[in-house]
Protein backbone atom coordinates (compact mmCIF):
# COMPACT_ATOMS: atom_id res chain seq x y z
CA UNK A 1 -9.24 6.62 31.53
CA UNK A 2 -9.51 10.20 32.16
CA UNK A 3 -6.86 13.05 32.06
CA UNK A 4 -6.11 16.44 31.29
CA UNK A 5 -4.86 17.82 27.79
CA UNK A 6 -1.35 17.15 27.81
CA UNK A 7 1.67 17.71 25.50
CA UNK A 8 3.46 15.41 23.40
CA UNK A 9 6.58 14.06 24.48
CA UNK A 10 9.30 16.75 23.65
CA UNK A 11 11.28 14.39 21.48
CA UNK A 12 8.73 15.15 18.76
CA UNK A 13 10.90 18.27 18.23
CA UNK A 14 13.96 15.91 17.14
CA UNK A 15 11.64 13.63 15.21
CA UNK A 16 9.99 16.41 13.06
CA UNK A 17 13.46 18.26 12.50
CA UNK A 18 14.75 14.93 11.12
CA UNK A 19 11.65 14.83 8.99
CA UNK A 20 12.05 18.18 7.84
CA UNK A 21 15.64 17.27 6.73
CA UNK A 22 14.79 14.36 5.02
CA UNK A 23 12.08 16.12 3.05
CA UNK A 24 14.36 18.79 2.10
CA UNK A 25 18.00 17.28 1.60
CA UNK A 26 17.48 17.04 -2.16
CA UNK A 27 16.70 20.74 -2.48
CA UNK A 28 19.64 21.57 -0.45
CA UNK A 29 22.00 19.24 -2.54
CA UNK A 30 20.64 20.59 -5.88
CA UNK A 31 20.76 24.49 -4.70
CA UNK A 32 23.89 24.59 -2.71
CA UNK A 33 26.12 21.62 -3.89
CA UNK A 34 25.16 20.92 -7.70
CA UNK A 35 24.60 24.51 -8.26
CA UNK A 36 27.18 26.01 -6.25
CA UNK A 37 28.81 28.05 -8.85
CA UNK A 38 25.55 29.11 -10.49
CA UNK A 39 24.96 32.95 -10.27
CA UNK A 40 21.57 32.68 -12.06
CA UNK A 41 19.00 34.74 -10.33
CA UNK A 42 16.27 31.87 -9.68
CA UNK A 43 19.18 29.92 -8.16
CA UNK A 44 20.07 32.60 -5.83
CA UNK A 45 16.25 33.59 -5.14
CA UNK A 46 15.61 29.65 -4.66
CA UNK A 47 18.39 29.47 -1.90
CA UNK A 48 16.69 32.36 -0.01
CA UNK A 49 13.41 30.91 -0.33
CA UNK A 50 14.83 27.54 0.82
CA UNK A 51 16.16 29.29 4.18
CA UNK A 52 13.06 30.87 4.50
CA UNK A 53 11.04 28.01 4.46
CA UNK A 54 13.14 25.92 6.50
CA UNK A 55 13.67 28.36 8.98
CA UNK A 56 9.80 28.76 9.24
CA UNK A 57 9.63 24.87 9.42
CA UNK A 58 11.92 24.66 12.55
CA UNK A 59 9.77 27.46 14.35
CA UNK A 60 6.67 25.85 13.52
CA UNK A 61 7.99 22.52 15.14
CA UNK A 62 8.58 24.25 18.22
CA UNK A 63 5.19 26.15 18.04
CA UNK A 64 3.59 23.05 17.42
CA UNK A 65 4.84 20.92 20.19
CA UNK A 66 4.09 23.92 22.47
CA UNK A 67 0.27 24.34 21.17
CA UNK A 68 -0.79 21.13 20.23
CA UNK A 69 -1.86 18.51 22.94
CA UNK A 70 -4.36 15.76 23.42
CA UNK A 71 -7.04 14.38 25.60
CA UNK A 72 -8.35 11.14 26.29
CA UNK A 73 -11.48 10.80 28.51
CA UNK A 74 -14.05 7.85 29.08
CA UNK A 75 -15.71 7.80 25.37
CA UNK A 76 -13.53 10.02 22.99
CA UNK A 77 -9.97 11.27 22.22
CA UNK A 78 -9.59 15.05 21.72
CA UNK A 79 -6.84 16.69 19.54
CA UNK A 80 -6.42 20.32 20.25
CA UNK A 81 -4.14 21.53 17.12
CA UNK A 82 -3.41 24.72 15.29
CA UNK A 83 -1.01 27.46 15.83
CA UNK A 84 -2.72 30.74 14.84
CA UNK A 85 -6.07 29.20 14.27
CA UNK A 86 -7.13 26.82 16.85
CA UNK A 87 -8.91 23.62 16.20
CA UNK A 88 -10.41 20.89 18.27
CA UNK A 89 -11.18 17.56 16.71
CA UNK A 90 -12.97 14.91 18.63
CA UNK A 91 -12.76 11.11 17.98
CA UNK A 92 -15.58 8.65 19.44
CA UNK A 93 -13.77 5.47 20.82
CA UNK A 94 -16.28 3.17 19.36
CA UNK A 95 -15.67 4.70 15.78
CA UNK A 96 -11.96 3.66 15.92
CA UNK A 97 -11.52 0.46 13.82
CA UNK A 98 -7.65 -0.17 13.01
CA UNK A 99 -4.56 0.67 15.00
CA UNK A 100 -1.14 1.33 13.70
CA UNK A 101 2.24 1.85 15.47
CA UNK A 102 5.29 2.99 13.87
CA UNK A 103 8.73 3.15 15.46
CA UNK A 104 11.62 4.79 13.35
CA UNK A 105 15.28 4.71 14.36
CA UNK A 106 14.42 8.40 15.99
CA UNK A 107 11.94 7.28 18.00
CA UNK A 108 13.93 4.30 19.18
CA UNK A 109 16.94 6.59 20.45
CA UNK A 110 14.42 7.92 22.91
CA UNK A 111 12.35 4.79 23.72
CA UNK A 112 9.57 6.16 21.91
CA UNK A 113 6.68 5.27 19.36
CA UNK A 114 4.20 6.58 17.37
CA UNK A 115 0.22 5.64 17.25
CA UNK A 116 -2.44 6.09 14.50
CA UNK A 117 -5.87 5.40 14.95
CA UNK A 118 -8.32 4.65 11.80
CA UNK A 119 -12.16 5.38 11.86
CA UNK A 120 -14.44 4.52 9.73
CA UNK A 121 -15.13 8.18 8.37
CA UNK A 122 -13.17 10.18 5.83
CA UNK A 123 -11.78 13.59 5.51
CA UNK A 124 -9.65 15.30 8.64
CA UNK A 125 -11.44 13.21 11.10
CA UNK A 126 -10.54 10.01 9.43
CA UNK A 127 -7.40 9.31 11.56
CA UNK A 128 -6.02 10.31 15.25
CA UNK A 129 -2.41 10.65 15.13
CA UNK A 130 -0.04 10.52 18.17
CA UNK A 131 3.55 11.22 16.55
CA UNK A 132 5.43 10.60 19.64
CA UNK A 133 4.43 8.91 22.84
CA UNK A 134 5.76 6.64 25.11
CA UNK A 135 5.15 3.06 24.60
CA UNK A 136 3.43 2.98 27.83
CA UNK A 137 1.31 5.57 27.01
CA UNK A 138 0.35 3.93 23.67
CA UNK A 139 -0.45 0.83 25.67
CA UNK A 140 -2.62 2.77 28.03
CA UNK A 141 -4.49 3.86 24.93
CA UNK A 142 -4.97 0.72 23.39
CA UNK A 143 -6.18 -0.92 26.39
CA UNK A 144 -8.59 1.79 27.15
CA UNK A 145 -9.77 1.54 23.33
CA UNK A 146 -10.32 -2.36 23.59
CA UNK A 147 -12.19 -1.90 27.10
CA UNK A 148 -14.36 0.42 25.43
CA UNK A 149 -15.00 -1.95 22.37
CA UNK A 150 -15.53 -4.92 24.51
CA UNK A 151 -12.77 -6.73 23.12
CA UNK A 152 -11.04 -7.63 26.13
CA UNK A 153 -12.10 -7.29 30.11
CA UNK A 154 -10.04 -5.75 32.81
CA UNK A 155 -10.27 -6.53 36.40
CA UNK A 156 -9.96 -4.44 39.59
CA UNK A 157 -6.24 -5.90 39.79
CA UNK A 158 -5.43 -4.81 36.50
CA UNK A 159 -5.27 -5.60 32.61
CA UNK A 160 -5.02 -9.30 31.17
CA UNK A 161 -1.93 -9.43 29.01
CA UNK A 162 -3.41 -9.83 25.33
CA UNK A 163 -0.27 -10.61 24.01
CA UNK A 164 -0.51 -14.20 26.03
CA UNK A 165 -3.71 -14.89 24.05
CA UNK A 166 -2.01 -14.53 20.72
CA UNK A 167 -0.99 -17.29 18.43
CA UNK A 168 1.62 -16.72 15.79
CA UNK A 169 0.63 -18.14 12.50
CA UNK A 170 3.77 -16.75 10.41
CA UNK A 171 7.33 -15.48 11.11
CA UNK A 172 9.71 -14.48 8.23
CA UNK A 173 12.98 -16.05 7.74
CA UNK A 174 16.08 -14.93 5.72
CA UNK A 175 15.21 -17.40 3.14
CA UNK A 176 11.77 -15.44 3.07
CA UNK A 177 13.79 -12.07 3.03
CA UNK A 178 15.98 -13.38 0.01
CA UNK A 179 13.10 -14.57 -2.00
CA UNK A 180 11.15 -11.12 -1.55
CA UNK A 181 13.97 -9.20 -2.59
CA UNK A 182 14.30 -11.45 -5.99
CA UNK A 183 10.69 -11.12 -6.31
CA UNK A 184 10.02 -7.32 -5.75
CA UNK A 185 13.00 -6.63 -8.23
CA UNK A 186 14.35 -4.26 -6.02
CA UNK A 187 17.68 -5.59 -6.56
CA UNK A 188 17.63 -3.76 -10.07
CA UNK A 189 17.05 -0.45 -8.46
CA UNK A 190 20.65 0.31 -8.58
CA UNK A 191 20.89 0.70 -12.40
CA UNK A 192 18.26 3.63 -12.94
CA UNK A 193 19.86 5.19 -9.77
CA UNK A 194 23.31 5.16 -11.46
CA UNK A 195 21.25 6.49 -14.68
CA UNK A 196 19.88 9.49 -12.98
CA UNK A 197 23.24 10.15 -11.13
CA UNK A 198 24.89 10.35 -14.55
CA UNK A 199 22.60 12.26 -16.28
CA UNK A 200 22.37 14.92 -13.52
CA UNK A 201 26.12 15.02 -13.09
CA UNK A 202 27.12 14.85 -16.80
CA UNK A 203 26.78 18.58 -17.49
CA UNK A 204 28.15 19.71 -14.12
CA UNK A 205 31.56 17.57 -14.23
CA UNK A 206 31.71 17.66 -17.99
CA UNK A 207 32.22 13.68 -18.01
CA UNK A 208 30.87 13.26 -21.82
CA UNK A 209 34.18 12.64 -23.22
CA UNK A 210 35.62 10.57 -20.40
CA UNK A 211 32.63 8.37 -20.42
CA UNK A 212 32.80 7.85 -24.52
CA UNK A 213 36.49 7.02 -24.15
CA UNK A 214 35.66 4.67 -21.07
CA UNK A 215 32.64 3.06 -23.26
CA UNK A 216 35.14 2.59 -26.27
CA UNK A 217 37.90 0.69 -24.26
CA UNK A 218 34.86 -1.54 -22.53
CA UNK A 219 33.57 -2.36 -26.10
CA UNK A 220 37.21 -3.63 -27.15
CA UNK A 221 37.65 -5.30 -23.81
CA UNK A 222 34.41 -6.88 -23.39
CA UNK A 223 35.29 -9.32 -20.75
CA UNK A 224 35.73 -6.19 -18.34
CA UNK A 225 32.20 -5.10 -19.23
CA UNK A 226 30.73 -8.55 -18.32
CA UNK A 227 32.93 -8.34 -14.81
CA UNK A 228 31.65 -4.82 -14.12
CA UNK A 229 28.29 -6.17 -14.75
CA UNK A 230 28.42 -8.93 -12.35
CA UNK A 231 29.74 -6.75 -9.62
CA UNK A 232 26.97 -4.15 -10.25
CA UNK A 233 24.35 -6.95 -10.45
CA UNK A 234 25.95 -8.42 -6.80
CA UNK A 235 25.94 -5.04 -5.39
CA UNK A 236 22.57 -4.31 -6.30
CA UNK A 237 21.38 -7.67 -4.90
CA UNK A 238 23.15 -6.80 -1.44
CA UNK A 239 21.55 -3.42 -1.44
CA UNK A 240 18.08 -4.91 -2.55
CA UNK A 241 18.27 -7.54 0.42
CA UNK A 242 19.01 -5.02 2.75
CA UNK A 243 16.32 -2.61 1.49
CA UNK A 244 13.67 -5.61 1.83
CA UNK A 245 15.18 -6.92 5.24
CA UNK A 246 14.57 -3.09 6.47
CA UNK A 247 10.99 -2.94 5.29
CA UNK A 248 9.84 -6.93 5.64
CA UNK A 249 12.21 -8.18 8.29
CA UNK A 250 10.93 -9.60 11.48
CA UNK A 251 7.39 -10.07 9.55
CA UNK A 252 4.98 -11.59 11.95
CA UNK A 253 1.54 -12.63 11.62
CA UNK A 254 -0.81 -13.60 15.03
CA UNK A 255 -4.17 -13.01 16.05
CA UNK A 256 -6.24 -14.18 19.10
CA UNK A 257 -10.05 -14.17 19.17
CA UNK A 258 -10.88 -10.67 18.44
CA UNK A 259 -8.12 -9.36 16.33
CA UNK A 260 -5.38 -9.96 13.77
CA UNK A 261 -1.91 -8.60 14.55
CA UNK A 262 0.63 -7.64 11.84
CA UNK A 263 4.31 -6.52 12.98
CA UNK A 264 7.35 -5.96 10.43
CA UNK A 265 10.26 -3.69 9.98
CA UNK A 266 13.72 -3.86 11.44
CA UNK A 267 15.17 -0.15 11.03
CA UNK A 268 11.66 1.07 11.15
CA UNK A 269 9.22 -1.17 13.33
CA UNK A 270 5.65 -1.09 12.30
CA UNK A 271 2.81 -3.20 14.14
CA UNK A 272 -0.88 -2.77 12.95
CA UNK A 273 -4.26 -4.53 14.22
CA UNK A 274 -7.72 -4.96 12.87
CA UNK A 275 -10.61 -6.48 14.55
CA UNK A 276 -11.94 -9.67 12.45
CA UNK A 277 -15.41 -8.49 12.40
CA UNK A 278 -14.24 -5.08 10.67
CA UNK A 279 -12.55 -7.33 7.58
CA UNK A 280 -15.19 -6.88 4.63
CA UNK A 281 -13.20 -8.86 1.92
CA UNK A 282 -10.17 -10.20 1.14
CA UNK A 283 -8.06 -9.91 -2.29
CA UNK A 284 -5.03 -12.44 -3.43
CA UNK A 285 -2.65 -10.55 -5.47
CA UNK A 286 -0.12 -12.31 -8.08
CA UNK A 287 1.74 -10.78 -10.57
CA UNK A 288 3.27 -12.81 -13.30
CA UNK A 289 6.60 -13.53 -11.41
CA UNK A 290 4.80 -14.45 -8.40
CA UNK A 291 2.56 -17.09 -10.27
CA UNK A 292 5.81 -18.72 -11.63
CA UNK A 293 7.27 -18.97 -8.01
CA UNK A 294 4.04 -19.92 -6.44
CA UNK A 295 3.84 -16.94 -4.26
CA UNK A 296 0.64 -14.74 -3.17
CA UNK A 297 -0.13 -11.55 -1.25
CA UNK A 298 -3.19 -11.24 0.48
CA UNK A 299 -4.81 -7.83 1.34
CA UNK A 300 -7.38 -7.40 3.78
CA UNK A 301 -10.02 -4.86 2.98
CA UNK A 302 -11.34 -3.22 6.07
CA UNK A 303 -14.17 -0.98 7.21
CA UNK A 304 -11.73 1.45 8.29
CA UNK A 305 -9.71 1.57 5.03
CA UNK A 306 -6.60 2.82 4.03
CA UNK A 307 -6.05 6.46 2.46
CA UNK A 308 -2.46 5.97 1.46
CA UNK A 309 -0.54 3.23 -0.21
CA UNK A 310 1.77 2.85 2.81
CA UNK A 311 -0.84 1.73 5.13
CA UNK A 312 -2.61 -0.07 2.79
CA UNK A 313 0.87 -2.19 2.22
CA UNK A 314 0.64 -2.61 6.18
CA UNK A 315 -2.63 -4.32 5.89
CA UNK A 316 -1.50 -7.03 3.73
CA UNK A 317 -0.22 -10.41 5.20
CA UNK A 318 3.39 -11.09 3.99
CA UNK A 319 3.22 -10.10 0.49
CA UNK A 320 6.00 -12.92 -0.89
CA UNK A 321 4.45 -15.79 1.04
CA UNK A 322 4.00 -19.39 -0.91
CA UNK A 323 0.44 -19.39 -1.93
CA UNK A 324 -0.46 -22.55 -0.28
CA UNK A 325 1.04 -21.22 2.98
CA UNK A 326 -0.95 -17.92 2.45
CA UNK A 327 -4.03 -19.88 2.26
CA UNK A 328 -3.42 -21.64 5.34
CA UNK A 329 -2.90 -18.75 7.57
CA UNK A 330 -5.68 -16.97 5.99
CA UNK A 331 -8.19 -19.93 6.62
CA UNK A 332 -6.80 -20.33 10.26
CA UNK A 333 -7.38 -16.37 11.12
CA UNK A 334 -10.29 -15.92 8.93
CA UNK A 335 -11.74 -19.48 8.29
CA UNK A 336 -14.78 -17.94 6.78
CA UNK A 337 -12.76 -16.71 3.90
CA UNK A 338 -12.17 -19.94 1.97
CA UNK A 339 -10.59 -19.62 -1.39
CA UNK A 340 -11.44 -22.35 -4.32
CA UNK A 341 -9.41 -22.59 -7.31
CA UNK A 342 -12.26 -24.05 -9.53
CA UNK A 343 -14.46 -21.54 -10.65
CA UNK A 344 -16.72 -20.81 -13.55
CA UNK A 345 -15.41 -19.65 -16.80
CA UNK A 346 -17.06 -17.14 -19.28
CA UNK A 347 -18.23 -18.00 -23.10
CA UNK A 348 -16.14 -17.71 -25.91
CA UNK A 349 -18.49 -14.88 -27.07
CA UNK A 350 -17.17 -12.78 -24.00
CA UNK A 351 -13.75 -12.95 -25.81
CA UNK A 352 -14.90 -11.44 -28.68
CA UNK A 353 -16.83 -8.87 -27.05
CA UNK A 354 -13.67 -7.66 -25.54
CA UNK A 355 -11.69 -7.78 -28.73
CA UNK A 356 -14.60 -5.50 -30.14
CA UNK A 357 -13.93 -2.73 -27.65
CA UNK A 358 -11.99 0.39 -28.92
CA UNK A 359 -8.43 0.47 -28.78
CA UNK A 360 -8.10 3.76 -27.44
CA UNK A 361 -4.33 3.60 -26.30
CA UNK A 362 -3.47 2.25 -30.13
CA UNK A 363 -5.43 5.22 -31.44
CA UNK A 364 -3.69 7.84 -29.31
CA UNK A 365 -0.46 5.95 -30.13
CA UNK A 366 -1.06 6.49 -33.96
CA UNK A 367 -2.09 10.13 -33.39
CA UNK A 368 1.20 10.87 -31.16
CA UNK A 369 3.54 9.47 -33.56
CA UNK A 370 1.61 10.64 -36.50
CA UNK A 371 2.34 14.24 -35.43
CA UNK A 372 5.75 13.91 -33.61
CA UNK A 373 7.66 10.86 -35.05
CA UNK A 374 5.83 9.68 -38.11
CA UNK A 375 8.66 7.20 -39.11
CA UNK A 376 8.20 5.42 -35.78
CA UNK A 377 4.57 4.83 -36.96
CA UNK A 378 5.23 0.67 -36.61
CA UNK A 379 5.22 1.30 -32.75
CA UNK A 380 1.48 1.54 -32.84
CA UNK A 381 1.08 -1.87 -34.37
CA UNK A 382 3.20 -3.35 -31.50
CA UNK A 383 0.74 -1.24 -29.02
CA UNK A 384 -2.35 -3.02 -30.79
CA UNK A 385 -0.73 -6.69 -30.56
CA UNK A 386 -0.11 -5.82 -26.90
CA UNK A 387 -3.53 -4.73 -26.28
CA UNK A 388 -5.04 -7.86 -28.05
CA UNK A 389 -2.70 -10.03 -26.01
CA UNK A 390 -3.92 -8.40 -22.69
CA UNK A 391 -7.33 -8.51 -23.47
CA UNK A 392 -6.91 -12.45 -24.13
CA UNK A 393 -5.00 -13.00 -20.96
CA UNK A 394 -7.91 -10.96 -19.03
CA UNK A 395 -10.77 -13.26 -20.47
CA UNK A 396 -8.43 -16.29 -19.84
CA UNK A 397 -7.72 -15.74 -16.31
CA UNK A 398 -11.36 -14.29 -15.32
CA UNK A 399 -13.68 -16.44 -13.43
CA UNK A 400 -16.17 -16.31 -10.49
CA UNK A 401 -18.01 -18.71 -8.04
CA UNK A 402 -20.98 -18.07 -5.99
CA UNK A 403 -21.31 -20.54 -3.22
CA UNK A 404 -23.96 -19.94 -0.46
CA UNK A 405 -23.46 -16.22 1.00
CA UNK A 406 -19.71 -16.07 -0.59
CA UNK A 407 -18.95 -14.52 -3.78
CA UNK A 408 -15.43 -15.12 -5.41
CA UNK A 409 -14.09 -13.36 -8.36
CA UNK A 410 -10.59 -13.66 -10.19
CA UNK A 411 -9.43 -11.53 -12.89
CA UNK A 412 -6.54 -9.92 -14.49
CA UNK A 413 -3.84 -11.09 -16.86
CA UNK A 414 -0.59 -9.31 -15.90
CA UNK A 415 -1.56 -9.00 -12.12
CA UNK A 416 -4.06 -11.70 -11.13
CA UNK A 417 -6.36 -10.84 -8.31
CA UNK A 418 -8.83 -12.99 -6.44
CA UNK A 419 -11.63 -11.27 -4.65
CA UNK A 420 -13.62 -12.73 -1.86
CA UNK A 421 -16.58 -11.59 0.13
CA UNK A 422 -20.01 -12.36 1.82
CA UNK A 423 -23.57 -11.10 1.09
CA UNK A 424 -23.75 -9.63 4.21
CA UNK A 425 -20.68 -7.47 3.50
CA UNK A 426 -21.66 -6.08 0.29
CA UNK A 427 -23.48 -2.63 0.63
CA UNK A 428 -24.64 -2.74 -3.22
CA UNK A 429 -24.86 -4.54 -6.33
CA UNK A 430 -24.90 -2.56 -9.58
CA UNK A 431 -25.77 -4.27 -12.82
CA UNK A 432 -24.58 -2.39 -15.87
CA UNK A 433 -24.63 -2.91 -19.78
CA UNK A 434 -23.68 -1.05 -22.72
CA UNK A 435 -25.15 -1.17 -26.27
CA UNK A 436 -22.73 -3.59 -27.40
CA UNK A 437 -23.27 -5.89 -24.25
CA UNK A 438 -26.88 -6.11 -24.91
CA UNK A 439 -25.96 -7.44 -28.49
CA UNK A 440 -24.12 -10.21 -26.79
CA UNK A 441 -26.67 -10.59 -23.89
CA UNK A 442 -24.19 -10.05 -21.24
CA UNK A 443 -23.66 -7.58 -18.47
CA UNK A 444 -21.29 -6.41 -15.90
CA UNK A 445 -21.73 -6.59 -12.14
CA UNK A 446 -20.30 -4.16 -9.58
CA UNK A 447 -19.70 -5.36 -5.86
CA UNK A 448 -19.45 -2.36 -3.47
CA UNK A 449 -17.98 -2.81 -0.22
CA UNK A 450 -17.33 -0.79 2.71
CA UNK A 451 -13.97 0.72 2.89
CA UNK A 452 -12.28 4.14 2.73
CA UNK A 453 -12.83 4.99 -0.06
CA UNK A 454 -15.24 2.53 -0.96
CA UNK A 455 -14.07 -0.84 -2.35
CA UNK A 456 -15.55 -1.63 -5.97
CA UNK A 457 -14.92 -4.97 -7.94
CA UNK A 458 -16.47 -5.57 -11.45
CA UNK A 459 -17.65 -8.90 -13.23
CA UNK A 460 -17.38 -8.36 -16.95
CA UNK A 461 -19.33 -10.61 -18.98
CA UNK A 462 -22.03 -12.07 -16.84
CA UNK A 463 -25.09 -13.40 -18.69
CA UNK A 464 -28.12 -11.42 -18.41
CA UNK A 465 -30.08 -14.47 -16.75
CA UNK A 466 -26.95 -14.87 -14.34
CA UNK A 467 -27.09 -10.84 -13.58
CA UNK A 468 -30.57 -11.48 -12.45
CA UNK A 469 -29.70 -14.43 -10.22
CA UNK A 470 -27.09 -12.33 -8.55
CA UNK A 471 -29.65 -9.41 -8.11
CA UNK A 472 -32.05 -11.96 -6.33
CA UNK A 473 -29.29 -13.49 -4.45
CA UNK A 474 -28.12 -9.95 -2.86
CA UNK A 475 -31.95 -9.30 -2.28
CA UNK A 476 -32.22 -12.14 0.23
CA UNK A 477 -29.55 -10.40 2.32
CA UNK A 478 -32.42 -8.16 3.64
CA UNK A 479 -34.33 -11.17 4.47
CA UNK A 480 -31.53 -13.35 5.87
């Protein structure tokens, strides 16, 4: 695939303008609506500064569209960027690991999309982004990329349609969305929002007296308060459902012989794909609420890695799937990653060791309360008790299993995580032991997997003998 350098679609001007408006709307509301009658110097200068920055933002959008180009040749992708200082960035196609496509409402208006290619490096050359391209152009880039990586074969008459070879393993339903909106507690978001609105408008609209009279009325007519609370809860549940639907609706997990595909979203459609051989480990995550409801989230630790929360979330299998179904999907698409429920527990001395560690948060609470609110010093006792309970829970849920070339680690009290990887995927094993650990005859093992940034998992409380066994087990990697 050879082509000369070309500009992005002109619709990038609209997409970037909408993004600029979205990022600046709160500043506009604060300076020109909430502070509309203010004559303070900082407000006046803030308005001028806002207008200058906004104007420059609009001009820079036009200049970036005019000067920014991209070129795709046989072995690489070249991005030409910069307005006053020109920059040329080159990405080798064989270094691309993951692909993410995102289609917002604005993209849909013009029948366009965006594409992000993740490499295994870090820094400015970590990703190649095509913010606004046609769907046909996206498919051509992906096909060319897959051909280069020998993932699919193309004949003289055309390209094999990869979608025909895909198998769908999970498709979200409305029932799943309802369960997800409840589990994510998104339906409670309206209450802090209402509180924030009240706090910001109280001084401006002088509603303190009115609110006090209304509260006095509600305290007398308590049944009205119950009705209002139920209505607010119902409204927040509906808003939470649509928020979850927007993010996780139409969630589909599929695969073919070489790659895993994840698609999701209603208002903003996001698709993600990753080669199976790039998966370095998997993490099963369960909060307390998810454990009660029997749900689990499975995250894929990739060699390409994910530097921001949004992309890391995209690499997760449906985060509100019933645990056994999540295991079934995982075992189908990645059969080498099997999760065992029965693992080795640590002896009771590890719990005593955890309880003997310094309680830094309690100490900080005592110092802070002593200085600022000495009459509330009793809160430090609550912090101390909570710290003890968390350490007990962490000990209770921590276990591990080493089976052949596979290592599985489970830990965490409030949020429980199960980490699974293979010996050949581990880059480094580190054995650490403090003075106190040496007295108890235990150590800490740290497993490092290739990701971006590197993914470290610690196993606290392993006996010195077992730590030596792990070290010998890992050394066999070089001879196997």
